[in-house]
Protein backbone atom coordinates (compact mmCIF):
# COMPACT_ATOMS: atom_id res chain seq x y z
CA MET A 1 -9.52 -0.05 3.45
CA ALA A 2 -8.51 2.61 2.06
CA PRO A 3 -8.63 5.66 3.27
CA ILE A 4 -7.72 4.84 7.04
CA GLU A 5 -9.54 7.77 8.98
CA SER A 6 -12.85 6.92 7.37
CA PRO A 7 -12.86 3.84 5.01
CA ARG A 8 -14.68 4.20 1.95
CA ILE A 9 -13.42 1.58 -0.16
CA ILE A 10 -12.08 -2.21 0.45
CA VAL A 11 -10.29 -3.84 -1.97
CA ALA A 12 -8.84 -7.93 -1.83
CA VAL A 13 -6.60 -9.04 -3.98
CA MET A 14 -6.00 -12.15 -5.41
CA ILE A 15 -3.20 -13.77 -7.46
CA ASP A 16 -4.27 -17.25 -8.44
CA GLU A 17 -0.61 -18.36 -10.36
CA PRO A 18 1.68 -16.15 -9.75
CA SER A 19 5.13 -15.94 -11.67
CA ASP A 20 8.81 -14.97 -11.52
CA GLY A 21 8.99 -16.87 -8.54
CA GLN A 22 7.65 -13.95 -6.55
CA TYR A 23 4.81 -15.72 -4.50
CA TYR A 24 4.87 -13.80 -1.33
CA GLY A 25 1.86 -11.13 -0.99
CA GLY A 26 4.30 -8.29 -0.27
CA LEU A 27 5.61 -8.81 -3.50
CA ALA A 28 3.34 -10.09 -5.82
CA ALA A 29 0.00 -9.01 -4.36
CA ALA A 30 0.50 -5.52 -2.68
CA PRO A 31 1.89 -3.60 -6.06
CA VAL A 32 -1.88 -4.59 -7.15
CA PHE A 33 -3.42 -3.32 -4.28
CA SER A 34 -1.46 -0.39 -4.04
CA GLU A 35 -2.25 0.69 -7.52
CA VAL A 36 -5.94 0.05 -7.26
CA VAL A 37 -6.53 2.01 -4.23
CA GLN A 38 -4.54 5.23 -5.45
CA GLN A 39 -5.95 5.14 -8.81
CA THR A 40 -9.59 4.55 -7.01
CA LEU A 41 -9.53 7.61 -4.38
CA ARG A 42 -7.94 9.83 -7.01
CA MET A 43 -11.17 9.41 -9.18
CA MET A 44 -13.42 9.75 -5.94
CA GLY A 45 -11.79 12.88 -5.01
CA VAL A 46 -10.69 11.42 -1.79
CA GLN A 47 -8.18 13.62 -0.25
CA PRO A 48 -4.98 12.07 1.60
CA ASP A 49 -5.48 11.35 5.30
CA MET A 50 -3.21 14.23 7.05
CA SER A 51 -2.58 11.87 10.09
CA VAL A 52 -0.77 9.56 8.15
CA LYS A 53 2.39 10.39 7.23
CA PRO A 54 5.68 8.39 5.96
CA GLN A 55 8.50 8.30 8.51
CA ILE A 56 11.77 9.94 7.20
CA VAL A 57 14.91 8.91 8.79
CA THR A 58 17.19 12.23 8.91
CA GLN A 59 20.24 10.38 11.05
CA ALA A 60 21.47 7.08 10.06
CA VAL A 61 21.52 4.58 12.63
CA GLU A 62 24.75 1.83 12.80
CA GLU A 63 23.29 -1.59 13.30
CA SER A 64 25.24 -4.63 14.66
CA PHE A 65 24.54 -7.80 13.59
């Protein structure tokens, strides 16, 4: 569904026979979903959700493994 605050579209992506060894949704279907939603909302003139902002990491945190 998109946009998050007031959904106007619902998009489902199904890839029948993924190729190139990528069969997880995040690798095969997510890029298609992203492009379709982005272009559809642009054509509809829907403005981006202002309350949804990308998280920007400003300080590196050392992880212990």
